[in-house]
């Protein structure tokens, strides 16, 4: 649900789409829309800065990941549809390879045929 914070999940990275975001003062910061999925659903994770660097260097497409303390938002599209997005904050959230060192972490998804959750994956 949009507005939720402190969300934890295990998913598989399906696709990493990196682009340069010129909207914030023309700085040209790198931003990624990372399609993640589990057995139940598929959605996009928004990452930038150190989080994006970690995804690119330590993780990667096809790899199971653990996401801790992310936030959920709803993005409205130009065609009046909306998408749910996961936001991983560089200071408050954690993203790591699965399995991690936390005993209560669930198993990685065995398959990812999940339906899109208000999300088109292009």
PDB file of N, CA and C in Angstrom:
ATOM      1  N   UNK A   1       0.826  -1.184   0.000  1.00  0.00           N
ATOM      2  CA  UNK A   1       0.000   0.000   0.000  1.00  0.00           C
ATOM      3  C   UNK A   1       0.876   1.255   0.000  1.00  0.00           C
ATOM      4  N   UNK A   2       0.526   2.253  -0.783  1.00  0.00           N
ATOM      5  CA  UNK A   2       1.282   3.504  -0.794  1.00  0.00           C
ATOM      6  C   UNK A   2       1.306   4.124   0.596  1.00  0.00           C
ATOM      7  N   UNK A   3       2.435   4.720   0.934  1.00  0.00           N
ATOM      8  CA  UNK A   3       2.590   5.357   2.228  1.00  0.00           C
ATOM      9  C   UNK A   3       3.202   4.463   3.286  1.00  0.00           C
ATOM     10  N   UNK A   4       3.321   3.170   2.995  1.00  0.00           N
ATOM     11  CA  UNK A   4       3.932   2.257   3.963  1.00  0.00           C
ATOM     12  C   UNK A   4       5.432   2.519   4.042  1.00  0.00           C
ATOM     13  N   UNK A   5       5.974   2.411   5.246  1.00  0.00           N
ATOM     14  CA  UNK A   5       7.414   2.514   5.453  1.00  0.00           C
ATOM     15  C   UNK A   5       7.860   1.327   6.292  1.00  0.00           C
ATOM     16  N   UNK A   6       9.143   1.103   6.329  1.00  0.00           N
ATOM     17  CA  UNK A   6       9.668  -0.011   7.105  1.00  0.00           C
ATOM     18  C   UNK A   6       9.350  -1.366   6.505  1.00  0.00           C
ATOM     19  N   UNK A   7       9.189  -1.424   5.188  1.00  0.00           N
ATOM     20  CA  UNK A   7       8.819  -2.654   4.493  1.00  0.00           C
ATOM     21  C   UNK A   7      10.074  -3.508   4.253  1.00  0.00           C
ATOM     22  N   UNK A   8       9.969  -4.793   4.551  1.00  0.00           N
ATOM     23  CA  UNK A   8      11.055  -5.754   4.327  1.00  0.00           C
ATOM     24  C   UNK A   8      10.580  -6.815   3.352  1.00  0.00           C
ATOM     25  N   UNK A   9      11.428  -7.223   2.412  1.00  0.00           N
ATOM     26  CA  UNK A   9      11.047  -8.274   1.480  1.00  0.00           C
ATOM     27  C   UNK A   9      12.257  -8.944   0.851  1.00  0.00           C
ATOM     28  N   UNK A  10      12.004 -10.116   0.295  1.00  0.00           N
ATOM     29  CA  UNK A  10      13.005 -10.854  -0.474  1.00  0.00           C
ATOM     30  C   UNK A  10      12.454 -10.951  -1.895  1.00  0.00           C
ATOM     31  N   UNK A  11      13.276 -10.607  -2.878  1.00  0.00           N
ATOM     32  CA  UNK A  11      12.839 -10.620  -4.273  1.00  0.00           C
ATOM     33  C   UNK A  11      14.025 -10.964  -5.166  1.00  0.00           C
ATOM     34  N   UNK A  12      13.751 -11.090  -6.451  1.00  0.00           N
ATOM     35  CA  UNK A  12      14.781 -11.332  -7.455  1.00  0.00           C
ATOM     36  C   UNK A  12      14.842 -10.120  -8.375  1.00  0.00           C
ATOM     37  N   UNK A  13      16.058  -9.656  -8.679  1.00  0.00           N
ATOM     38  CA  UNK A  13      16.220  -8.552  -9.628  1.00  0.00           C
ATOM     39  C   UNK A  13      15.989  -9.098 -11.028  1.00  0.00           C
ATOM     40  N   UNK A  14      15.014  -8.548 -11.720  1.00  0.00           N
ATOM     41  CA  UNK A  14      14.742  -8.981 -13.097  1.00  0.00           C
ATOM     42  C   UNK A  14      15.402  -8.085 -14.132  1.00  0.00           C
ATOM     43  N   UNK A  15      15.399  -6.764 -13.883  1.00  0.00           N
ATOM     44  CA  UNK A  15      15.931  -5.835 -14.881  1.00  0.00           C
ATOM     45  C   UNK A  15      16.419  -4.579 -14.181  1.00  0.00           C
ATOM     46  N   UNK A  16      17.558  -4.050 -14.628  1.00  0.00           N
ATOM     47  CA  UNK A  16      18.100  -2.804 -14.107  1.00  0.00           C
ATOM     48  C   UNK A  16      18.131  -1.796 -15.248  1.00  0.00           C
ATOM     49  N   UNK A  17      17.381  -0.719 -15.110  1.00  0.00           N
ATOM     50  CA  UNK A  17      17.299   0.316 -16.137  1.00  0.00           C
ATOM     51  C   UNK A  17      17.871   1.608 -15.560  1.00  0.00           C
ATOM     52  N   UNK A  18      19.107   1.954 -15.931  1.00  0.00           N
ATOM     53  CA  UNK A  18      19.792   3.134 -15.408  1.00  0.00           C
ATOM     54  C   UNK A  18      19.637   4.282 -16.392  1.00  0.00           C
ATOM     55  N   UNK A  19      19.378   5.473 -15.841  1.00  0.00           N
ATOM     56  CA  UNK A  19      19.304   6.673 -16.679  1.00  0.00           C
ATOM     57  C   UNK A  19      19.884   7.843 -15.894  1.00  0.00           C
ATOM     58  N   UNK A  20      20.104   8.959 -16.571  1.00  0.00           N
ATOM     59  CA  UNK A  20      20.589  10.167 -15.920  1.00  0.00           C
ATOM     60  C   UNK A  20      19.398  11.066 -15.669  1.00  0.00           C
ATOM     61  N   UNK A  21      19.247  11.493 -14.419  1.00  0.00           N
ATOM     62  CA  UNK A  21      18.130  12.350 -14.020  1.00  0.00           C
ATOM     63  C   UNK A  21      18.592  13.799 -14.042  1.00  0.00           C
ATOM     64  N   UNK A  22      18.118  14.550 -15.020  1.00  0.00           N
ATOM     65  CA  UNK A  22      18.505  15.962 -15.167  1.00  0.00           C
ATOM     66  C   UNK A  22      17.551  16.893 -14.420  1.00  0.00           C
ATOM     67  N   UNK A  23      16.503  16.362 -13.813  1.00  0.00           N
ATOM     68  CA  UNK A  23      15.452  17.181 -13.214  1.00  0.00           C
ATOM     69  C   UNK A  23      15.902  17.939 -11.971  1.00  0.00           C
ATOM     70  N   UNK A  24      16.873  17.469 -11.267  1.00  0.00           N
ATOM     71  CA  UNK A  24      17.274  18.078 -10.003  1.00  0.00           C
ATOM     72  C   UNK A  24      18.458  19.023 -10.186  1.00  0.00           C
ATOM     73  N   UNK A  25      18.172  20.229 -10.688  1.00  0.00           N
ATOM     74  CA  UNK A  25      19.207  21.236 -10.835  1.00  0.00           C
ATOM     75  C   UNK A  25      20.215  20.957 -11.929  1.00  0.00           C
ATOM     76  N   UNK A  26      19.911  20.046 -12.837  1.00  0.00           N
ATOM     77  CA  UNK A  26      20.805  19.738 -13.945  1.00  0.00           C
ATOM     78  C   UNK A  26      22.076  19.024 -13.536  1.00  0.00           C
ATOM     79  N   UNK A  27      22.098  18.444 -12.352  1.00  0.00           N
ATOM     80  CA  UNK A  27      23.293  17.762 -11.857  1.00  0.00           C
ATOM     81  C   UNK A  27      23.608  16.497 -12.640  1.00  0.00           C
ATOM     82  N   UNK A  28      22.587  15.880 -13.200  1.00  0.00           N
ATOM     83  CA  UNK A  28      22.824  14.657 -13.955  1.00  0.00           C
ATOM     84  C   UNK A  28      23.091  13.466 -13.066  1.00  0.00           C
ATOM     85  N   UNK A  29      22.385  13.351 -11.950  1.00  0.00           N
ATOM     86  CA  UNK A  29      22.590  12.193 -11.080  1.00  0.00           C
ATOM     87  C   UNK A  29      22.013  10.941 -11.732  1.00  0.00           C
ATOM     88  N   UNK A  30      22.643   9.811 -11.447  1.00  0.00           N
ATOM     89  CA  UNK A  30      22.194   8.542 -12.011  1.00  0.00           C
ATOM     90  C   UNK A  30      21.056   7.996 -11.173  1.00  0.00           C
ATOM     91  N   UNK A  31      20.059   7.471 -11.850  1.00  0.00           N
ATOM     92  CA  UNK A  31      18.867   6.929 -11.216  1.00  0.00           C
ATOM     93  C   UNK A  31      18.531   5.617 -11.899  1.00  0.00           C
ATOM     94  N   UNK A  32      18.090   4.634 -11.121  1.00  0.00           N
ATOM     95  CA  UNK A  32      17.725   3.346 -11.715  1.00  0.00           C
ATOM     96  C   UNK A  32      16.314   2.967 -11.314  1.00  0.00           C
ATOM     97  N   UNK A  33      15.611   2.387 -12.253  1.00  0.00           N
ATOM     98  CA  UNK A  33      14.356   1.707 -11.988  1.00  0.00           C
ATOM     99  C   UNK A  33      14.680   0.226 -12.104  1.00  0.00           C
ATOM    100  N   UNK A  34      14.622  -0.460 -10.980  1.00  0.00           N
ATOM    101  CA  UNK A  34      15.006  -1.865 -10.922  1.00  0.00           C
ATOM    102  C   UNK A  34      13.736  -2.697 -10.786  1.00  0.00           C
ATOM    103  N   UNK A  35      13.450  -3.523 -11.773  1.00  0.00           N
ATOM    104  CA  UNK A  35      12.280  -4.394 -11.694  1.00  0.00           C
ATOM    105  C   UNK A  35      12.624  -5.569 -10.801  1.00  0.00           C
ATOM    106  N   UNK A  36      11.838  -5.744  -9.731  1.00  0.00           N
ATOM    107  CA  UNK A  36      12.034  -6.851  -8.787  1.00  0.00           C
ATOM    108  C   UNK A  36      10.741  -7.660  -8.719  1.00  0.00           C
ATOM    109  N   UNK A  37      10.871  -8.955  -8.399  1.00  0.00           N
ATOM    110  CA  UNK A  37       9.687  -9.815  -8.367  1.00  0.00           C
ATOM    111  C   UNK A  37       9.875 -10.941  -7.365  1.00  0.00           C
ATOM    112  N   UNK A  38       8.732 -11.464  -6.923  1.00  0.00           N
ATOM    113  CA  UNK A  38       8.721 -12.709  -6.154  1.00  0.00           C
ATOM    114  C   UNK A  38       7.623 -13.576  -6.749  1.00  0.00           C
ATOM    115  N   UNK A  39       7.203 -14.618  -6.028  1.00  0.00           N
ATOM    116  CA  UNK A  39       6.173 -15.506  -6.571  1.00  0.00           C
ATOM    117  C   UNK A  39       4.820 -14.822  -6.739  1.00  0.00           C
ATOM    118  N   UNK A  40       4.601 -13.721  -6.051  1.00  0.00           N
ATOM    119  CA  UNK A  40       3.274 -13.099  -6.043  1.00  0.00           C
ATOM    120  C   UNK A  40       3.153 -11.865  -6.909  1.00  0.00           C
ATOM    121  N   UNK A  41       4.236 -11.130  -7.125  1.00  0.00           N
ATOM    122  CA  UNK A  41       4.101  -9.846  -7.819  1.00  0.00           C
ATOM    123  C   UNK A  41       5.430  -9.371  -8.387  1.00  0.00           C
ATOM    124  N   UNK A  42       5.322  -8.328  -9.203  1.00  0.00           N
ATOM    125  CA  UNK A  42       6.469  -7.671  -9.820  1.00  0.00           C
ATOM    126  C   UNK A  42       6.242  -6.171  -9.671  1.00  0.00           C
ATOM    127  N   UNK A  43       7.275  -5.436  -9.297  1.00  0.00           N
ATOM    128  CA  UNK A  43       7.164  -3.987  -9.177  1.00  0.00           C
ATOM    129  C   UNK A  43       8.531  -3.360  -9.418  1.00  0.00           C
ATOM    130  N   UNK A  44       8.620  -2.042  -9.281  1.00  0.00           N
ATOM    131  CA  UNK A  44       9.885  -1.353  -9.511  1.00  0.00           C
ATOM    132  C   UNK A  44      10.422  -0.782  -8.215  1.00  0.00           C
ATOM    133  N   UNK A  45      11.738  -0.856  -8.102  1.00  0.00           N
ATOM    134  CA  UNK A  45      12.461  -0.289  -6.989  1.00  0.00           C
ATOM    135  C   UNK A  45      13.236   0.895  -7.547  1.00  0.00           C
ATOM    136  N   UNK A  46      13.176   2.032  -6.878  1.00  0.00           N
ATOM    137  CA  UNK A  46      13.891   3.218  -7.319  1.00  0.00           C
ATOM    138  C   UNK A  46      15.179   3.319  -6.519  1.00  0.00           C
ATOM    139  N   UNK A  47      16.302   3.446  -7.219  1.00  0.00           N
ATOM    140  CA  UNK A  47      17.605   3.501  -6.546  1.00  0.00           C
ATOM    141  C   UNK A  47      18.487   4.554  -7.183  1.00  0.00           C
ATOM    142  N   UNK A  48      19.292   5.207  -6.348  1.00  0.00           N
ATOM    143  CA  UNK A  48      20.290   6.132  -6.858  1.00  0.00           C
ATOM    144  C   UNK A  48      21.477   6.153  -5.908  1.00  0.00           C
ATOM    145  N   UNK A  49      22.501   6.872  -6.288  1.00  0.00           N
ATOM    146  CA  UNK A  49      23.695   7.066  -5.474  1.00  0.00           C
ATOM    147  C   UNK A  49      24.331   5.744  -5.048  1.00  0.00           C
ATOM    148  N   UNK A  50      24.639   5.607  -3.774  1.00  0.00           N
ATOM    149  CA  UNK A  50      25.352   4.435  -3.268  1.00  0.00           C
ATOM    150  C   UNK A  50      24.513   3.167  -3.386  1.00  0.00           C
ATOM    151  N   UNK A  51      23.190   3.297  -3.315  1.00  0.00           N
ATOM    152  CA  UNK A  51      22.319   2.124  -3.464  1.00  0.00           C
ATOM    153  C   UNK A  51      22.433   1.582  -4.886  1.00  0.00           C
ATOM    154  N   UNK A  52      22.421   2.461  -5.866  1.00  0.00           N
ATOM    155  CA  UNK A  52      22.570   2.051  -7.261  1.00  0.00           C
ATOM    156  C   UNK A  52      23.943   1.419  -7.487  1.00  0.00           C
ATOM    157  N   UNK A  53      24.979   2.008  -6.933  1.00  0.00           N
ATOM    158  CA  UNK A  53      26.324   1.448  -7.086  1.00  0.00           C
ATOM    159  C   UNK A  53      26.386   0.031  -6.524  1.00  0.00           C
ATOM    160  N   UNK A  54      25.753  -0.194  -5.385  1.00  0.00           N
ATOM    161  CA  UNK A  54      25.757  -1.526  -4.780  1.00  0.00           C
ATOM    162  C   UNK A  54      25.008  -2.519  -5.665  1.00  0.00           C
ATOM    163  N   UNK A  55      23.872  -2.109  -6.214  1.00  0.00           N
ATOM    164  CA  UNK A  55      23.098  -2.991  -7.091  1.00  0.00           C
ATOM    165  C   UNK A  55      23.938  -3.377  -8.309  1.00  0.00           C
ATOM    166  N   UNK A  56      24.629  -2.407  -8.887  1.00  0.00           N
ATOM    167  CA  UNK A  56      25.424  -2.664 -10.091  1.00  0.00           C
ATOM    168  C   UNK A  56      26.661  -3.518  -9.816  1.00  0.00           C
ATOM    169  N   UNK A  57      27.331  -3.290  -8.684  1.00  0.00           N
ATOM    170  CA  UNK A  57      28.604  -3.979  -8.454  1.00  0.00           C
ATOM    171  C   UNK A  57      28.459  -5.283  -7.675  1.00  0.00           C
ATOM    172  N   UNK A  58      27.594  -5.310  -6.661  1.00  0.00           N
ATOM    173  CA  UNK A  58      27.510  -6.476  -5.778  1.00  0.00           C
ATOM    174  C   UNK A  58      26.343  -7.402  -6.098  1.00  0.00           C
ATOM    175  N   UNK A  59      25.342  -6.886  -6.755  1.00  0.00           N
ATOM    176  CA  UNK A  59      24.143  -7.691  -7.001  1.00  0.00           C
ATOM    177  C   UNK A  59      24.036  -7.928  -8.501  1.00  0.00           C
ATOM    178  N   UNK A  60      22.888  -7.698  -9.113  1.00  0.00           N
ATOM    179  CA  UNK A  60      22.777  -7.848 -10.559  1.00  0.00           C
ATOM    180  C   UNK A  60      21.526  -8.601 -10.955  1.00  0.00           C
ATOM    181  N   UNK A  61      21.217  -8.543 -12.238  1.00  0.00           N
ATOM    182  CA  UNK A  61      20.009  -9.182 -12.756  1.00  0.00           C
ATOM    183  C   UNK A  61      20.044 -10.682 -12.495  1.00  0.00           C
ATOM    184  N   UNK A  62      18.895 -11.206 -12.089  1.00  0.00           N
ATOM    185  CA  UNK A  62      18.769 -12.636 -11.820  1.00  0.00           C
ATOM    186  C   UNK A  62      19.157 -13.036 -10.409  1.00  0.00           C
ATOM    187  N   UNK A  63      19.649 -12.099  -9.619  1.00  0.00           N
ATOM    188  CA  UNK A  63      20.112 -12.404  -8.264  1.00  0.00           C
ATOM    189  C   UNK A  63      19.018 -12.139  -7.231  1.00  0.00           C
ATOM    190  N   UNK A  64      18.888 -13.027  -6.236  1.00  0.00           N
ATOM    191  CA  UNK A  64      17.940 -12.765  -5.146  1.00  0.00           C
ATOM    192  C   UNK A  64      18.525 -11.725  -4.189  1.00  0.00           C
ATOM    193  N   UNK A  65      17.677 -10.839  -3.696  1.00  0.00           N
ATOM    194  CA  UNK A  65      18.110  -9.776  -2.792  1.00  0.00           C
ATOM    195  C   UNK A  65      17.187  -9.679  -1.589  1.00  0.00           C
ATOM    196  N   UNK A  66      17.714  -9.079  -0.532  1.00  0.00           N
ATOM    197  CA  UNK A  66      16.936  -8.763   0.666  1.00  0.00           C
ATOM    198  C   UNK A  66      16.857  -7.247   0.745  1.00  0.00           C
ATOM    199  N   UNK A  67      15.638  -6.725   0.876  1.00  0.00           N
ATOM    200  CA  UNK A  67      15.432  -5.286   0.997  1.00  0.00           C
ATOM    201  C   UNK A  67      14.824  -5.042   2.373  1.00  0.00           C
ATOM    202  N   UNK A  68      15.460  -4.179   3.152  1.00  0.00           N
ATOM    203  CA  UNK A  68      14.977  -3.878   4.496  1.00  0.00           C
ATOM    204  C   UNK A  68      14.712  -2.381   4.644  1.00  0.00           C
ATOM    205  N   UNK A  69      13.581  -2.087   5.285  1.00  0.00           N
ATOM    206  CA  UNK A  69      13.200  -0.717   5.639  1.00  0.00           C
ATOM    207  C   UNK A  69      13.012   0.182   4.422  1.00  0.00           C
ATOM    208  N   UNK A  70      12.359  -0.326   3.387  1.00  0.00           N
ATOM    209  CA  UNK A  70      12.063   0.513   2.224  1.00  0.00           C
ATOM    210  C   UNK A  70      10.680   1.155   2.406  1.00  0.00           C
ATOM    211  N   UNK A  71      10.367   2.089   1.549  1.00  0.00           N
ATOM    212  CA  UNK A  71       9.078   2.778   1.567  1.00  0.00           C
ATOM    213  C   UNK A  71       8.337   2.472   0.273  1.00  0.00           C
ATOM    214  N   UNK A  72       7.007   2.557   0.317  1.00  0.00           N
ATOM    215  CA  UNK A  72       6.173   2.293  -0.852  1.00  0.00           C
ATOM    216  C   UNK A  72       5.458   3.583  -1.237  1.00  0.00           C
ATOM    217  N   UNK A  73       5.474   3.908  -2.522  1.00  0.00           N
ATOM    218  CA  UNK A  73       4.749   5.076  -3.017  1.00  0.00           C
ATOM    219  C   UNK A  73       3.968   4.693  -4.268  1.00  0.00           C
ATOM    220  N   UNK A  74       3.080   5.566  -4.672  1.00  0.00           N
ATOM    221  CA  UNK A  74       2.331   5.368  -5.911  1.00  0.00           C
ATOM    222  C   UNK A  74       2.705   6.502  -6.855  1.00  0.00           C
ATOM    223  N   UNK A  75       3.083   6.150  -8.076  1.00  0.00           N
ATOM    224  CA  UNK A  75       3.449   7.129  -9.099  1.00  0.00           C
ATOM    225  C   UNK A  75       2.356   7.169 -10.147  1.00  0.00           C
ATOM    226  N   UNK A  76       1.870   8.358 -10.433  1.00  0.00           N
ATOM    227  CA  UNK A  76       0.856   8.529 -11.469  1.00  0.00           C
ATOM    228  C   UNK A  76       1.547   8.700 -12.826  1.00  0.00           C
ATOM    229  N   UNK A  77       1.061   7.979 -13.823  1.00  0.00           N
ATOM    230  CA  UNK A  77       1.606   8.058 -15.172  1.00  0.00           C
ATOM    231  C   UNK A  77       0.803   9.041 -16.005  1.00  0.00           C
ATOM    232  N   UNK A  78       1.350   9.423 -17.126  1.00  0.00           N
ATOM    233  CA  UNK A  78       0.664  10.377 -18.012  1.00  0.00           C
ATOM    234  C   UNK A  78      -0.664   9.845 -18.532  1.00  0.00           C
ATOM    235  N   UNK A  79      -0.773   8.522 -18.679  1.00  0.00           N
ATOM    236  CA  UNK A  79      -2.018   7.934 -19.195  1.00  0.00           C
ATOM    237  C   UNK A  79      -3.028   7.675 -18.078  1.00  0.00           C
ATOM    238  N   UNK A  80      -2.809   8.287 -16.915  1.00  0.00           N
ATOM    239  CA  UNK A  80      -3.699   8.204 -15.754  1.00  0.00           C
ATOM    240  C   UNK A  80      -3.715   6.840 -15.075  1.00  0.00           C
ATOM    241  N   UNK A  81      -2.774   5.960 -15.412  1.00  0.00           N
ATOM    242  CA  UNK A  81      -2.594   4.739 -14.639  1.00  0.00           C
ATOM    243  C   UNK A  81      -1.581   5.056 -13.540  1.00  0.00           C
ATOM    244  N   UNK A  82      -1.430   4.153 -12.619  1.00  0.00           N
ATOM    245  CA  UNK A  82      -0.459   4.398 -11.555  1.00  0.00           C
ATOM    246  C   UNK A  82       0.391   3.155 -11.325  1.00  0.00           C
ATOM    247  N   UNK A  83       1.545   3.358 -10.695  1.00  0.00           N
ATOM    248  CA  UNK A  83       2.472   2.278 -10.396  1.00  0.00           C
ATOM    249  C   UNK A  83       2.863   2.345  -8.932  1.00  0.00           C
ATOM    250  N   UNK A  84       2.996   1.196  -8.311  1.00  0.00           N
ATOM    251  CA  UNK A  84       3.590   1.152  -6.978  1.00  0.00           C
ATOM    252  C   UNK A  84       5.092   1.115  -7.144  1.00  0.00           C
ATOM    253  N   UNK A  85       5.810   1.836  -6.285  1.00  0.00           N
ATOM    254  CA  UNK A  85       7.260   1.894  -6.340  1.00  0.00           C
ATOM    255  C   UNK A  85       7.830   1.626  -4.949  1.00  0.00           C
ATOM    256  N   UNK A  86       8.954   0.943  -4.902  1.00  0.00           N
ATOM    257  CA  UNK A  86       9.697   0.745  -3.664  1.00  0.00           C
ATOM    258  C   UNK A  86      10.867   1.723  -3.668  1.00  0.00           C
ATOM    259  N   UNK A  87      11.073   2.408  -2.558  1.00  0.00           N
ATOM    260  CA  UNK A  87      12.172   3.367  -2.448  1.00  0.00           C
ATOM    261  C   UNK A  87      13.142   2.899  -1.376  1.00  0.00           C
ATOM    262  N   UNK A  88      14.397   2.756  -1.763  1.00  0.00           N
ATOM    263  CA  UNK A  88      15.444   2.347  -0.839  1.00  0.00           C
ATOM    264  C   UNK A  88      16.292   3.584  -0.547  1.00  0.00           C
ATOM    265  N   UNK A  89      16.242   4.068   0.681  1.00  0.00           N
ATOM    266  CA  UNK A  89      16.976   5.262   1.077  1.00  0.00           C
ATOM    267  C   UNK A  89      18.394   4.889   1.490  1.00  0.00           C
ATOM    268  N   UNK A  90      19.359   5.649   1.030  1.00  0.00           N
ATOM    269  CA  UNK A  90      20.769   5.309   1.290  1.00  0.00           C
ATOM    270  C   UNK A  90      21.132   5.309   2.766  1.00  0.00           C
ATOM    271  N   UNK A  91      20.444   6.096   3.600  1.00  0.00           N
ATOM    272  CA  UNK A  91      20.785   6.172   5.020  1.00  0.00           C
ATOM    273  C   UNK A  91      19.949   5.255   5.894  1.00  0.00           C
ATOM    274  N   UNK A  92      18.701   4.992   5.508  1.00  0.00           N
ATOM    275  CA  UNK A  92      17.781   4.286   6.394  1.00  0.00           C
ATOM    276  C   UNK A  92      17.438   2.870   5.946  1.00  0.00           C
ATOM    277  N   UNK A  93      17.680   2.568   4.705  1.00  0.00           N
ATOM    278  CA  UNK A  93      17.323   1.256   4.165  1.00  0.00           C
ATOM    279  C   UNK A  93      18.575   0.416   3.952  1.00  0.00           C
ATOM    280  N   UNK A  94      18.343  -0.863   3.727  1.00  0.00           N
ATOM    281  CA  UNK A  94      19.468  -1.764   3.450  1.00  0.00           C
ATOM    282  C   UNK A  94      19.057  -2.704   2.329  1.00  0.00           C
ATOM    283  N   UNK A  95      19.977  -2.896   1.395  1.00  0.00           N
ATOM    284  CA  UNK A  95      19.760  -3.869   0.327  1.00  0.00           C
ATOM    285  C   UNK A  95      20.998  -4.755   0.290  1.00  0.00           C
ATOM    286  N   UNK A  96      20.787  -6.054   0.261  1.00  0.00           N
ATOM    287  CA  UNK A  96      21.921  -6.979   0.292  1.00  0.00           C
ATOM    288  C   UNK A  96      21.596  -8.239  -0.491  1.00  0.00           C
ATOM    289  N   UNK A  97      22.631  -9.001  -0.767  1.00  0.00           N
ATOM    290  CA  UNK A  97      22.454 -10.284  -1.449  1.00  0.00           C
ATOM    291  C   UNK A  97      21.750 -11.256  -0.509  1.00  0.00           C
ATOM    292  N   UNK A  98      20.990 -12.152  -1.081  1.00  0.00           N
ATOM    293  CA  UNK A  98      20.325 -13.207  -0.302  1.00  0.00           C
ATOM    294  C   UNK A  98      21.192 -14.445  -0.391  1.00  0.00           C
ATOM    295  N   UNK A  99      21.407 -15.203   0.643  1.00  0.00           N
ATOM    296  CA  UNK A  99      20.919 -14.985   2.004  1.00  0.00           C
ATOM    297  C   UNK A  99      21.797 -13.982   2.730  1.00  0.00           C
ATOM    298  N   UNK A 100      21.183 -13.279   3.710  1.00  0.00           N
ATOM    299  CA  UNK A 100      21.961 -12.365   4.528  1.00  0.00           C
ATOM    300  C   UNK A 100      22.194 -13.015   5.895  1.00  0.00           C
ATOM    301  N   UNK A 101      22.705 -12.267   6.827  1.00  0.00           N
ATOM    302  CA  UNK A 101      23.083 -12.847   8.123  1.00  0.00           C
ATOM    303  C   UNK A 101      21.948 -12.858   9.143  1.00  0.00           C
ATOM    304  N   UNK A 102      20.730 -12.487   8.727  1.00  0.00           N
ATOM    305  CA  UNK A 102      19.597 -12.442   9.649  1.00  0.00           C
ATOM    306  C   UNK A 102      18.842 -13.767   9.578  1.00  0.00           C
ATOM    307  N   UNK A 103      18.720 -14.433  10.710  1.00  0.00           N
ATOM    308  CA  UNK A 103      18.119 -15.770  10.761  1.00  0.00           C
ATOM    309  C   UNK A 103      16.662 -15.794  10.302  1.00  0.00           C
ATOM    310  N   UNK A 104      15.932 -14.703  10.501  1.00  0.00           N
ATOM    311  CA  UNK A 104      14.506 -14.688  10.154  1.00  0.00           C
ATOM    312  C   UNK A 104      14.224 -14.362   8.688  1.00  0.00           C
ATOM    313  N   UNK A 105      15.256 -14.162   7.872  1.00  0.00           N
ATOM    314  CA  UNK A 105      15.049 -13.850   6.459  1.00  0.00           C
ATOM    315  C   UNK A 105      14.429 -15.043   5.750  1.00  0.00           C
ATOM    316  N   UNK A 106      13.300 -14.818   5.036  1.00  0.00           N
ATOM    317  CA  UNK A 106      12.668 -15.930   4.316  1.00  0.00           C
ATOM    318  C   UNK A 106      13.529 -16.433   3.155  1.00  0.00           C
ATOM    319  N   UNK A 107      13.149 -17.572   2.630  1.00  0.00           N
ATOM    320  CA  UNK A 107      13.840 -18.135   1.465  1.00  0.00           C
ATOM    321  C   UNK A 107      13.639 -17.233   0.259  1.00  0.00           C
ATOM    322  N   UNK A 108      14.568 -17.323  -0.683  1.00  0.00           N
ATOM    323  CA  UNK A 108      14.449 -16.571  -1.928  1.00  0.00           C
ATOM    324  C   UNK A 108      13.307 -17.138  -2.759  1.00  0.00           C
ATOM    325  N   UNK A 109      12.672 -16.307  -3.595  1.00  0.00           N
ATOM    326  CA  UNK A 109      11.606 -16.813  -4.457  1.00  0.00           C
ATOM    327  C   UNK A 109      12.110 -17.939  -5.349  1.00  0.00           C
ATOM    328  N   UNK A 110      11.318 -19.000  -5.465  1.00  0.00           N
ATOM    329  CA  UNK A 110      11.713 -20.119  -6.315  1.00  0.00           C
ATOM    330  C   UNK A 110      11.380 -19.867  -7.777  1.00  0.00           C
ATOM    331  N   UNK A 111      10.451 -18.950  -8.006  1.00  0.00           N
ATOM    332  CA  UNK A 111      10.092 -18.549  -9.365  1.00  0.00           C
ATOM    333  C   UNK A 111       9.548 -17.134  -9.292  1.00  0.00           C
ATOM    334  N   UNK A 112       9.491 -16.462 -10.440  1.00  0.00           N
ATOM    335  CA  UNK A 112       8.988 -15.090 -10.454  1.00  0.00           C
ATOM    336  C   UNK A 112       7.994 -14.841 -11.575  1.00  0.00           C
ATOM    337  N   UNK A 113       6.935 -15.631 -11.624  1.00  0.00           N
ATOM    338  CA  UNK A 113       5.941 -15.378 -12.656  1.00  0.00           C
ATOM    339  C   UNK A 113       4.928 -14.323 -12.236  1.00  0.00           C
ATOM    340  N   UNK A 114       5.174 -13.679 -11.094  1.00  0.00           N
ATOM    341  CA  UNK A 114       4.210 -12.782 -10.466  1.00  0.00           C
ATOM    342  C   UNK A 114       3.614 -11.770 -11.415  1.00  0.00           C
ATOM    343  N   UNK A 115       2.419 -11.364 -11.100  1.00  0.00           N
ATOM    344  CA  UNK A 115       1.737 -10.341 -11.869  1.00  0.00           C
ATOM    345  C   UNK A 115       2.315  -8.978 -11.530  1.00  0.00           C
ATOM    346  N   UNK A 116       2.203  -8.027 -12.451  1.00  0.00           N
ATOM    347  CA  UNK A 116       2.628  -6.676 -12.174  1.00  0.00           C
ATOM    348  C   UNK A 116       1.705  -6.087 -11.128  1.00  0.00           C
ATOM    349  N   UNK A 117       2.279  -5.369 -10.185  1.00  0.00           N
ATOM    350  CA  UNK A 117       1.491  -4.683  -9.176  1.00  0.00           C
ATOM    351  C   UNK A 117       1.423  -3.233  -9.585  1.00  0.00           C
ATOM    352  N   UNK A 118       0.448  -2.906 -10.420  1.00  0.00           N
ATOM    353  CA  UNK A 118       0.321  -1.529 -10.883  1.00  0.00           C
ATOM    354  C   UNK A 118       1.576  -1.064 -11.588  1.00  0.00           C
ATOM    355  N   UNK A 119       2.216  -1.933 -12.328  1.00  0.00           N
ATOM    356  CA  UNK A 119       3.522  -1.631 -12.881  1.00  0.00           C
ATOM    357  C   UNK A 119       3.654  -2.228 -14.278  1.00  0.00           C
ATOM    358  N   UNK A 120       4.102  -1.419 -15.209  1.00  0.00           N
ATOM    359  CA  UNK A 120       4.437  -1.949 -16.517  1.00  0.00           C
ATOM    360  C   UNK A 120       5.936  -2.025 -16.627  1.00  0.00           C
ATOM    361  N   UNK A 121       6.452  -3.093 -17.154  1.00  0.00           N
ATOM    362  CA  UNK A 121       7.910  -3.287 -17.141  1.00  0.00           C
ATOM    363  C   UNK A 121       8.560  -3.114 -18.502  1.00  0.00           C
ATOM    364  N   UNK A 122       7.884  -2.588 -19.465  1.00  0.00           N
ATOM    365  CA  UNK A 122       8.486  -2.235 -20.738  1.00  0.00           C
ATOM    366  C   UNK A 122       9.164  -3.274 -21.456  1.00  0.00           C
TER     367      UNK A 122
END
